[in-house]
PDB file of N, CA and C in Angstrom:
ATOM      1  N   MET A   1       0.830  -1.286   0.201  1.00  0.00           N
ATOM      2  CA  MET A   1       0.108   0.162  -0.127  1.00  0.00           C
ATOM      3  C   MET A   1       0.938   1.394   0.077  1.00  0.00           C
ATOM      4  N   VAL A   2       0.328   2.236  -0.590  1.00  0.00           N
ATOM      5  CA  VAL A   2       1.205   3.507  -1.022  1.00  0.00           C
ATOM      6  C   VAL A   2       1.098   4.186   0.221  1.00  0.00           C
ATOM      7  N   THR A   3       1.791   4.769   1.111  1.00  0.00           N
ATOM      8  CA  THR A   3       1.568   5.744   2.192  1.00  0.00           C
ATOM      9  C   THR A   3       1.455   7.052   1.443  1.00  0.00           C
ATOM     10  N   LYS A   4       0.478   7.976   2.493  1.00  0.00           N
ATOM     11  CA  LYS A   4       0.506   9.176   1.958  1.00  0.00           C
ATOM     12  C   LYS A   4       1.606  10.153   1.340  1.00  0.00           C
ATOM     13  N   ALA A   5       2.948   9.962   2.218  1.00  0.00           N
ATOM     14  CA  ALA A   5       4.070  10.565   1.542  1.00  0.00           C
ATOM     15  C   ALA A   5       4.522  10.470   0.314  1.00  0.00           C
ATOM     16  N   GLN A   6       4.311   9.026   0.153  1.00  0.00           N
ATOM     17  CA  GLN A   6       4.887   8.722  -1.128  1.00  0.00           C
ATOM     18  C   GLN A   6       3.661   9.029  -2.750  1.00  0.00           C
ATOM     19  N   MET A   7       2.587   9.655  -2.390  1.00  0.00           N
ATOM     20  CA  MET A   7       1.675   9.781  -3.023  1.00  0.00           C
ATOM     21  C   MET A   7       1.860  10.945  -3.961  1.00  0.00           C
ATOM     22  N   THR A   8       2.123  10.784  -4.949  1.00  0.00           N
ATOM     23  CA  THR A   8       2.373  12.178  -6.220  1.00  0.00           C
ATOM     24  C   THR A   8       0.840  13.080  -5.730  1.00  0.00           C
ATOM     25  N   LYS A   9       1.588  14.397  -6.197  1.00  0.00           N
ATOM     26  CA  LYS A   9       0.073  15.171  -6.061  1.00  0.00           C
ATOM     27  C   LYS A   9      -1.009  14.794  -7.299  1.00  0.00           C
ATOM     28  N   GLN A  10      -0.761  14.359  -8.194  1.00  0.00           N
ATOM     29  CA  GLN A  10      -2.069  13.814  -9.387  1.00  0.00           C
ATOM     30  C   GLN A  10      -2.750  12.546  -8.704  1.00  0.00           C
ATOM     31  N   GLU A  11      -1.847  11.552  -7.829  1.00  0.00           N
ATOM     32  CA  GLU A  11      -2.500  10.373  -7.187  1.00  0.00           C
ATOM     33  C   GLU A  11      -3.773  11.050  -6.053  1.00  0.00           C
ATOM     34  N   LYS A  12      -3.293  12.131  -5.714  1.00  0.00           N
ATOM     35  CA  LYS A  12      -3.866  12.442  -4.409  1.00  0.00           C
ATOM     36  C   LYS A  12      -4.950  13.355  -4.847  1.00  0.00           C
ATOM     37  N   GLU A  13      -4.692  13.943  -6.102  1.00  0.00           N
ATOM     38  CA  GLU A  13      -6.215  14.415  -6.731  1.00  0.00           C
ATOM     39  C   GLU A  13      -7.020  13.254  -7.147  1.00  0.00           C
ATOM     40  N   TRP A  14      -6.503  12.107  -7.684  1.00  0.00           N
ATOM     41  CA  TRP A  14      -7.572  11.201  -8.155  1.00  0.00           C
ATOM     42  C   TRP A  14      -8.231  10.294  -6.827  1.00  0.00           C
ATOM     43  N   ARG A  15      -7.577  10.570  -6.139  1.00  0.00           N
ATOM     44  CA  ARG A  15      -8.194   9.877  -4.592  1.00  0.00           C
ATOM     45  C   ARG A  15      -9.459  10.766  -4.361  1.00  0.00           C
ATOM     46  N   ALA A  16      -8.859  11.945  -4.207  1.00  0.00           N
ATOM     47  CA  ALA A  16     -10.015  12.852  -3.651  1.00  0.00           C
ATOM     48  C   ALA A  16     -11.297  12.885  -4.767  1.00  0.00           C
ATOM     49  N   LYS A  17     -11.177  12.870  -6.015  1.00  0.00           N
ATOM     50  CA  LYS A  17     -12.160  12.794  -6.785  1.00  0.00           C
ATOM     51  C   LYS A  17     -12.931  11.499  -6.227  1.00  0.00           C
ATOM     52  N   ASP A  18     -12.054  10.548  -6.655  1.00  0.00           N
ATOM     53  CA  ASP A  18     -12.925   9.097  -6.499  1.00  0.00           C
ATOM     54  C   ASP A  18     -13.638   8.829  -4.853  1.00  0.00           C
ATOM     55  N   ASP A  19     -13.119   9.340  -3.849  1.00  0.00           N
ATOM     56  CA  ASP A  19     -13.412   9.330  -2.880  1.00  0.00           C
ATOM     57  C   ASP A  19     -14.574  10.256  -2.640  1.00  0.00           C
ATOM     58  N   ALA A  20     -14.750  11.496  -3.571  1.00  0.00           N
ATOM     59  CA  ALA A  20     -15.947  12.384  -3.670  1.00  0.00           C
ATOM     60  C   ALA A  20     -17.181  12.072  -4.446  1.00  0.00           C
ATOM     61  N   ARG A  21     -16.502  10.512  -5.499  1.00  0.00           N
ATOM     62  CA  ARG A  21     -17.863   9.924  -6.361  1.00  0.00           C
ATOM     63  C   ARG A  21     -18.580   8.814  -5.166  1.00  0.00           C
ATOM     64  N   THR A  22     -17.713   8.119  -4.512  1.00  0.00           N
ATOM     65  CA  THR A  22     -18.091   7.172  -3.448  1.00  0.00           C
ATOM     66  C   THR A  22     -18.838   7.679  -2.660  1.00  0.00           C
ATOM     67  N   LEU A  23     -18.751   9.001  -1.845  1.00  0.00           N
ATOM     68  CA  LEU A  23     -19.682   9.397  -0.847  1.00  0.00           C
ATOM     69  C   LEU A  23     -20.910  10.162  -1.524  1.00  0.00           C
ATOM     70  N   ALA A  24     -20.854  10.260  -2.603  1.00  0.00           N
ATOM     71  CA  ALA A  24     -22.197  10.979  -3.565  1.00  0.00           C
ATOM     72  C   ALA A  24     -23.256   9.782  -3.680  1.00  0.00           C
ATOM     73  N   THR A  25     -22.465   8.622  -4.201  1.00  0.00           N
ATOM     74  CA  THR A  25     -22.917   7.573  -4.499  1.00  0.00           C
ATOM     75  C   THR A  25     -23.738   7.119  -3.366  1.00  0.00           C
ATOM     76  N   ALA A  26     -23.046   7.019  -1.913  1.00  0.00           N
ATOM     77  CA  ALA A  26     -23.879   6.414  -0.766  1.00  0.00           C
ATOM     78  C   ALA A  26     -24.816   7.417  -0.675  1.00  0.00           C
ATOM     79  N   GLU A  27     -24.609   8.397  -0.908  1.00  0.00           N
ATOM     80  CA  GLU A  27     -25.755   9.444  -0.483  1.00  0.00           C
ATOM     81  C   GLU A  27     -26.998   9.272  -1.488  1.00  0.00           C
ATOM     82  N   VAL A  28     -26.763   8.936  -2.197  1.00  0.00           N
ATOM     83  CA  VAL A  28     -28.079   8.740  -3.319  1.00  0.00           C
ATOM     84  C   VAL A  28     -28.414   7.250  -2.722  1.00  0.00           C
ATOM     85  N   VAL A  29     -27.662   6.218  -1.951  1.00  0.00           N
ATOM     86  CA  VAL A  29     -28.459   4.947  -1.787  1.00  0.00           C
ATOM     87  C   VAL A  29     -28.820   5.298  -0.490  1.00  0.00           C
ATOM     88  N   ARG A  30     -28.625   5.985   0.282  1.00  0.00           N
ATOM     89  CA  ARG A  30     -29.472   6.140   1.305  1.00  0.00           C
ATOM     90  C   ARG A  30     -30.506   6.697   1.225  1.00  0.00           C
ATOM     91  N   ASN A  31     -30.547   7.642   0.500  1.00  0.00           N
ATOM     92  CA  ASN A  31     -31.799   8.583   0.008  1.00  0.00           C
ATOM     93  C   ASN A  31     -32.718   7.302  -0.699  1.00  0.00           C
ATOM     94  N   ASP A  32     -32.522   6.407  -1.109  1.00  0.00           N
ATOM     95  CA  ASP A  32     -33.669   5.400  -2.008  1.00  0.00           C
ATOM     96  C   ASP A  32     -33.630   4.390  -1.158  1.00  0.00           C
ATOM     97  N   PRO A  33     -35.164   4.231  -0.665  1.00  0.00           N
ATOM     98  CA  PRO A  33     -34.845   3.143   0.306  1.00  0.00           C
ATOM     99  C   PRO A  33     -35.024   1.686  -0.300  1.00  0.00           C
ATOM    100  N   THR A  34     -35.462   1.843  -1.569  1.00  0.00           N
ATOM    101  CA  THR A  34     -35.706   0.433  -2.506  1.00  0.00           C
ATOM    102  C   THR A  34     -34.014  -0.088  -2.504  1.00  0.00           C
ATOM    103  N   ARG A  35     -33.208   0.784  -2.718  1.00  0.00           N
ATOM    104  CA  ARG A  35     -31.600   0.580  -3.042  1.00  0.00           C
ATOM    105  C   ARG A  35     -31.138   0.620  -1.643  1.00  0.00           C
ATOM    106  N   LEU A  36     -31.552   1.186  -0.340  1.00  0.00           N
ATOM    107  CA  LEU A  36     -30.779   0.535   0.721  1.00  0.00           C
ATOM    108  C   LEU A  36     -31.265  -0.438   1.337  1.00  0.00           C
ATOM    109  N   SER A  37     -32.208  -0.938   1.091  1.00  0.00           N
ATOM    110  CA  SER A  37     -32.703  -2.218   1.654  1.00  0.00           C
ATOM    111  C   SER A  37     -32.275  -3.333   0.469  1.00  0.00           C
ATOM    112  N   ALA A  38     -32.311  -3.173  -0.429  1.00  0.00           N
ATOM    113  CA  ALA A  38     -31.432  -4.343  -1.428  1.00  0.00           C
ATOM    114  C   ALA A  38     -29.831  -4.213  -1.295  1.00  0.00           C
ATOM    115  N   ALA A  39     -29.164  -3.241  -0.562  1.00  0.00           N
ATOM    116  CA  ALA A  39     -27.702  -3.165  -0.145  1.00  0.00           C
ATOM    117  C   ALA A  39     -27.758  -4.091   1.142  1.00  0.00           C
ATOM    118  N   LYS A  40     -28.452  -3.862   1.771  1.00  0.00           N
ATOM    119  CA  LYS A  40     -28.329  -4.293   3.209  1.00  0.00           C
ATOM    120  C   LYS A  40     -28.760  -5.793   3.099  1.00  0.00           C
ATOM    121  N   VAL A  41     -29.099  -6.114   2.508  1.00  0.00           N
ATOM    122  CA  VAL A  41     -29.373  -7.776   2.075  1.00  0.00           C
ATOM    123  C   VAL A  41     -28.297  -8.142   1.217  1.00  0.00           C
ATOM    124  N   ALA A  42     -27.394  -7.121   0.493  1.00  0.00           N
ATOM    125  CA  ALA A  42     -26.520  -7.690  -0.207  1.00  0.00           C
ATOM    126  C   ALA A  42     -25.398  -8.121   0.760  1.00  0.00           C
ATOM    127  N   ALA A  43     -25.300  -6.738   1.487  1.00  0.00           N
ATOM    128  CA  ALA A  43     -23.966  -6.767   2.676  1.00  0.00           C
ATOM    129  C   ALA A  43     -24.310  -7.962   3.569  1.00  0.00           C
ATOM    130  N   LYS A  44     -25.429  -8.359   4.006  1.00  0.00           N
ATOM    131  CA  LYS A  44     -25.501  -9.221   4.755  1.00  0.00           C
ATOM    132  C   LYS A  44     -25.023 -10.868   3.976  1.00  0.00           C
ATOM    133  N   GLN A  45     -25.467 -11.061   2.629  1.00  0.00           N
ATOM    134  CA  GLN A  45     -24.813 -11.844   2.036  1.00  0.00           C
ATOM    135  C   GLN A  45     -23.414 -12.321   1.691  1.00  0.00           C
ATOM    136  N   MET A  46     -23.111 -10.903   1.392  1.00  0.00           N
ATOM    137  CA  MET A  46     -21.504 -10.906   1.413  1.00  0.00           C
ATOM    138  C   MET A  46     -20.709 -11.094   2.646  1.00  0.00           C
ATOM    139  N   ALA A  47     -21.382 -10.705   3.771  1.00  0.00           N
ATOM    140  CA  ALA A  47     -20.471 -10.857   5.014  1.00  0.00           C
ATOM    141  C   ALA A  47     -20.364 -12.877   5.436  1.00  0.00           C
ATOM    142  N   GLU A  48     -21.432 -13.202   4.982  1.00  0.00           N
ATOM    143  CA  GLU A  48     -21.892 -14.689   5.122  1.00  0.00           C
ATOM    144  C   GLU A  48     -20.887 -15.195   4.391  1.00  0.00           C
ATOM    145  N   ASP A  49     -20.723 -14.625   3.098  1.00  0.00           N
ATOM    146  CA  ASP A  49     -19.747 -15.298   2.076  1.00  0.00           C
ATOM    147  C   ASP A  49     -18.135 -15.330   2.557  1.00  0.00           C
ATOM    148  N   GLU A  50     -17.973 -14.276   3.114  1.00  0.00           N
ATOM    149  CA  GLU A  50     -16.600 -13.965   3.834  1.00  0.00           C
ATOM    150  C   GLU A  50     -16.625 -14.519   4.725  1.00  0.00           C
ATOM    151  N   LYS A  51     -17.529 -14.955   5.579  1.00  0.00           N
ATOM    152  CA  LYS A  51     -17.074 -15.524   6.981  1.00  0.00           C
ATOM    153  C   LYS A  51     -16.987 -17.058   6.241  1.00  0.00           C
ATOM    154  N   GLU A  52     -17.509 -18.111   5.532  1.00  0.00           N
ATOM    155  CA  GLU A  52     -17.425 -18.996   4.925  1.00  0.00           C
ATOM    156  C   GLU A  52     -16.034 -19.004   3.997  1.00  0.00           C
ATOM    157  N   GLU A  53     -15.916 -18.389   3.487  1.00  0.00           N
ATOM    158  CA  GLU A  53     -14.313 -18.294   3.031  1.00  0.00           C
ATOM    159  C   GLU A  53     -13.267 -18.178   3.970  1.00  0.00           C
ATOM    160  N   ALA A  54     -13.482 -17.081   5.114  1.00  0.00           N
ATOM    161  CA  ALA A  54     -12.480 -17.267   6.545  1.00  0.00           C
ATOM    162  C   ALA A  54     -12.416 -18.497   6.888  1.00  0.00           C
ATOM    163  N   ARG A  55     -13.705 -19.283   7.074  1.00  0.00           N
ATOM    164  CA  ARG A  55     -13.350 -20.371   7.857  1.00  0.00           C
ATOM    165  C   ARG A  55     -12.640 -21.705   6.810  1.00  0.00           C
ATOM    166  N   ALA A  56     -12.486 -21.360   5.523  1.00  0.00           N
ATOM    167  CA  ALA A  56     -12.121 -22.301   4.569  1.00  0.00           C
ATOM    168  C   ALA A  56     -10.306 -22.252   4.795  1.00  0.00           C
ATOM    169  N   MET A  57     -10.173 -20.742   4.569  1.00  0.00           N
ATOM    170  CA  MET A  57      -9.029 -20.338   4.887  1.00  0.00           C
ATOM    171  C   MET A  57      -8.387 -20.870   6.335  1.00  0.00           C
ATOM    172  N   THR A  58      -9.074 -20.895   7.364  1.00  0.00           N
ATOM    173  CA  THR A  58      -8.516 -21.385   8.536  1.00  0.00           C
ATOM    174  C   THR A  58      -8.521 -23.043   8.571  1.00  0.00           C
ATOM    175  N   ARG A  59      -9.191 -23.732   7.912  1.00  0.00           N
ATOM    176  CA  ARG A  59      -8.981 -24.752   7.709  1.00  0.00           C
ATOM    177  C   ARG A  59      -7.765 -25.258   7.207  1.00  0.00           C
ATOM    178  N   VAL A  60      -7.755 -24.537   5.885  1.00  0.00           N
ATOM    179  CA  VAL A  60      -6.231 -24.638   5.226  1.00  0.00           C
ATOM    180  C   VAL A  60      -5.072 -24.161   6.188  1.00  0.00           C
ATOM    181  N   ALA A  61      -4.690 -22.897   6.787  1.00  0.00           N
ATOM    182  CA  ALA A  61      -4.072 -22.804   7.640  1.00  0.00           C
ATOM    183  C   ALA A  61      -3.324 -24.103   8.737  1.00  0.00           C
ATOM    184  N   ASN A  62      -4.550 -24.393   8.846  1.00  0.00           N
ATOM    185  CA  ASN A  62      -4.245 -25.468   9.976  1.00  0.00           C
ATOM    186  C   ASN A  62      -4.300 -27.067   9.535  1.00  0.00           C
ATOM    187  N   MET A  63      -4.041 -27.164   8.419  1.00  0.00           N
ATOM    188  CA  MET A  63      -3.387 -28.673   7.347  1.00  0.00           C
ATOM    189  C   MET A  63      -2.480 -29.076   8.172  1.00  0.00           C
ATOM    190  N   ARG A  64      -2.375 -30.230   7.960  1.00  0.00           N
ATOM    191  CA  ARG A  64      -0.679 -30.754   8.745  1.00  0.00           C
ATOM    192  C   ARG A  64      -0.633 -31.687   7.342  1.00  0.00           C
ATOM    193  N   ARG A  65       0.765 -31.521   6.984  1.00  0.00           N
ATOM    194  CA  ARG A  65       1.054 -32.717   5.586  1.00  0.00           C
ATOM    195  C   ARG A  65       0.445 -33.920   5.899  1.00  0.00           C
ATOM    196  N   THR A  66       0.418 -34.629   5.009  1.00  0.00           N
ATOM    197  CA  THR A  66       0.407 -35.764   4.943  1.00  0.00           C
ATOM    198  C   THR A  66       1.017 -36.806   3.978  1.00  0.00           C
ATOM    199  N   ASN A  67       1.611 -38.051   4.612  1.00  0.00           N
ATOM    200  CA  ASN A  67       2.301 -38.642   3.668  1.00  0.00           C
ATOM    201  C   ASN A  67       1.233 -40.020   3.000  1.00  0.00           C
ATOM    202  N   THR A  68       2.102 -40.778   2.619  1.00  0.00           N
ATOM    203  CA  THR A  68       1.314 -42.336   2.380  1.00  0.00           C
ATOM    204  C   THR A  68       1.112 -42.616   3.719  1.00  0.00           C
ATOM    205  N   LEU A  69       1.521 -42.458   4.468  1.00  0.00           N
ATOM    206  CA  LEU A  69       0.782 -43.104   5.800  1.00  0.00           C
ATOM    207  C   LEU A  69       0.223 -42.069   6.465  1.00  0.00           C
ATOM    208  N   SER A  70      -1.083 -42.419   6.893  1.00  0.00           N
ATOM    209  CA  SER A  70      -1.901 -41.614   7.396  1.00  0.00           C
ATOM    210  C   SER A  70      -2.638 -42.221   8.720  1.00  0.00           C
ATOM    211  N   SER A  71      -2.970 -41.460   9.654  1.00  0.00           N
ATOM    212  CA  SER A  71      -3.538 -41.695  11.207  1.00  0.00           C
ATOM    213  C   SER A  71      -5.105 -41.304  11.109  1.00  0.00           C
ATOM    214  N   SER A  72      -5.643 -42.494  11.428  1.00  0.00           N
ATOM    215  CA  SER A  72      -7.239 -42.411  11.844  1.00  0.00           C
ATOM    216  C   SER A  72      -7.821 -43.117  12.715  1.00  0.00           C
ATOM    217  N   SER A  73      -8.615 -42.441  13.405  1.00  0.00           N
ATOM    218  CA  SER A  73      -8.968 -43.083  15.036  1.00  0.00           C
ATOM    219  C   SER A  73     -10.160 -43.792  14.638  1.00  0.00           C
ATOM    220  N   ASP A  74     -10.276 -45.089  15.343  1.00  0.00           N
ATOM    221  CA  ASP A  74     -11.120 -46.482  14.753  1.00  0.00           C
ATOM    222  C   ASP A  74     -12.527 -46.221  16.034  1.00  0.00           C
ATOM    223  N   GLY A  75     -11.955 -44.862  16.542  1.00  0.00           N
ATOM    224  CA  GLY A  75     -13.385 -44.528  17.637  1.00  0.00           C
ATOM    225  C   GLY A  75     -13.391 -44.743  19.014  1.00  0.00           C
ATOM    226  N   ASP A  76     -12.344 -45.556  19.319  1.00  0.00           N
ATOM    227  CA  ASP A  76     -11.854 -45.822  20.509  1.00  0.00           C
ATOM    228  C   ASP A  76     -11.000 -44.759  20.798  1.00  0.00           C
ATOM    229  N   GLY A  77     -10.765 -43.821  20.072  1.00  0.00           N
ATOM    230  CA  GLY A  77      -9.660 -42.965  20.747  1.00  0.00           C
ATOM    231  C   GLY A  77      -8.002 -43.344  20.401  1.00  0.00           C
ATOM    232  N   GLU A  78      -7.889 -44.233  20.175  1.00  0.00           N
ATOM    233  CA  GLU A  78      -6.418 -44.838  19.578  1.00  0.00           C
ATOM    234  C   GLU A  78      -6.308 -44.656  17.893  1.00  0.00           C
ATOM    235  N   LYS A  79      -5.444 -44.313  17.588  1.00  0.00           N
ATOM    236  CA  LYS A  79      -4.887 -43.969  16.426  1.00  0.00           C
ATOM    237  C   LYS A  79      -4.620 -45.421  15.804  1.00  0.00           C
ATOM    238  N   LYS A  80      -4.652 -45.725  14.318  1.00  0.00           N
ATOM    239  CA  LYS A  80      -4.373 -46.599  13.768  1.00  0.00           C
ATOM    240  C   LYS A  80      -3.462 -46.021  12.606  1.00  0.00           C
ATOM    241  N   SER A  81      -2.581 -46.526  12.483  1.00  0.00           N
ATOM    242  CA  SER A  81      -1.869 -46.184  10.831  1.00  0.00           C
ATOM    243  C   SER A  81      -2.215 -47.362   9.518  1.00  0.00           C
ATOM    244  N   LYS A  82      -2.783 -46.323   8.614  1.00  0.00           N
ATOM    245  CA  LYS A  82      -2.994 -47.334   7.299  1.00  0.00           C
ATOM    246  C   LYS A  82      -2.226 -47.067   6.169  1.00  0.00           C
ATOM    247  N   ARG A  83      -2.109 -47.801   5.405  1.00  0.00           N
ATOM    248  CA  ARG A  83      -1.326 -47.418   4.038  1.00  0.00           C
ATOM    249  C   ARG A  83      -2.253 -47.155   3.323  1.00  0.00           C
ATOM    250  N   ALA A  84      -1.958 -46.366   2.144  1.00  0.00           N
ATOM    251  CA  ALA A  84      -2.606 -46.164   0.902  1.00  0.00           C
ATOM    252  C   ALA A  84      -2.906 -46.817  -0.064  1.00  0.00           C
ATOM    253  N   LYS A  85      -3.985 -47.169  -0.160  1.00  0.00           N
ATOM    254  CA  LYS A  85      -4.176 -48.258  -1.356  1.00  0.00           C
ATOM    255  C   LYS A  85      -3.248 -48.048  -2.853  1.00  0.00           C
ATOM    256  N   PRO A  86      -2.656 -48.958  -3.005  1.00  0.00           N
ATOM    257  CA  PRO A  86      -2.480 -48.762  -4.489  1.00  0.00           C
ATOM    258  C   PRO A  86      -3.174 -48.797  -5.613  1.00  0.00           C
ATOM    259  N   LYS A  87      -2.967 -47.881  -6.648  1.00  0.00           N
ATOM    260  CA  LYS A  87      -4.307 -47.910  -7.507  1.00  0.00           C
ATOM    261  C   LYS A  87      -3.813 -49.423  -8.354  1.00  0.00           C
ATOM    262  N   PRO A  88      -5.394 -49.826  -8.980  1.00  0.00           N
ATOM    263  CA  PRO A  88      -5.477 -50.975  -9.536  1.00  0.00           C
ATOM    264  C   PRO A  88      -4.980 -50.631 -10.910  1.00  0.00           C
ATOM    265  N   LYS A  89      -3.698 -52.173 -11.395  1.00  0.00           N
ATOM    266  CA  LYS A  89      -3.700 -51.738 -12.680  1.00  0.00           C
ATOM    267  C   LYS A  89      -4.722 -51.851 -13.768  1.00  0.00           C
ATOM    268  N   ASN A  90      -4.340 -50.981 -14.709  1.00  0.00           N
ATOM    269  CA  ASN A  90      -5.335 -51.126 -15.752  1.00  0.00           C
ATOM    270  C   ASN A  90      -4.710 -52.040 -17.010  1.00  0.00           C
ATOM    271  N   PRO A  91      -5.443 -53.730 -16.953  1.00  0.00           N
ATOM    272  CA  PRO A  91      -5.119 -54.366 -18.142  1.00  0.00           C
ATOM    273  C   PRO A  91      -4.828 -53.894 -19.626  1.00  0.00           C
ATOM    274  N   HIS A  92      -5.476 -53.193 -19.974  1.00  0.00           N
ATOM    275  CA  HIS A  92      -5.493 -51.910 -21.238  1.00  0.00           C
ATOM    276  C   HIS A  92      -4.262 -51.384 -21.311  1.00  0.00           C
ATOM    277  N   ASN A  93      -3.691 -50.879 -20.289  1.00  0.00           N
ATOM    278  CA  ASN A  93      -2.332 -50.143 -20.293  1.00  0.00           C
ATOM    279  C   ASN A  93      -1.000 -50.621 -20.808  1.00  0.00           C
ATOM    280  N   VAL A  94      -0.791 -50.421 -21.858  1.00  0.00           N
ATOM    281  CA  VAL A  94       0.243 -50.979 -22.876  1.00  0.00           C
ATOM    282  C   VAL A  94       1.618 -50.904 -21.745  1.00  0.00           C
ATOM    283  N   PHE A  95       1.694 -49.751 -21.192  1.00  0.00           N
ATOM    284  CA  PHE A  95       2.834 -49.529 -20.077  1.00  0.00           C
ATOM    285  C   PHE A  95       2.995 -50.562 -19.071  1.00  0.00           C
ATOM    286  N   ASN A  96       1.554 -51.088 -18.776  1.00  0.00           N
ATOM    287  CA  ASN A  96       2.499 -52.224 -17.546  1.00  0.00           C
ATOM    288  C   ASN A  96       2.609 -53.310 -18.203  1.00  0.00           C
ATOM    289  N   LYS A  97       3.131 -53.536 -19.586  1.00  0.00           N
ATOM    290  CA  LYS A  97       3.696 -54.742 -20.083  1.00  0.00           C
ATOM    291  C   LYS A  97       4.918 -54.524 -19.973  1.00  0.00           C
ATOM    292  N   ILE A  98       5.257 -53.325 -20.207  1.00  0.00           N
ATOM    293  CA  ILE A  98       6.563 -53.392 -20.431  1.00  0.00           C
ATOM    294  C   ILE A  98       7.607 -53.548 -19.255  1.00  0.00           C
TER     295      ILE A  98
END
């Protein structure tokens, strides 16, 4: 992100104009009950979508690296190690015969 000290005069002018347009649009929406209501519904849905994405990111961040050996619980609290099953050979694959 660019700090205020790093912004050129032209960038500052563009930002001010963009902020003015944003504020003007917000004022129009606030004064139109139909648009305001629709915006609130959309905001609620967007917030729910963001929450789900955040939960997914948290799951990714907490993932552990897995190998061909993985542990699973059989329900009694003890962990069992099981090997990944090899893929069955395709009898029609010519490379299996080499």
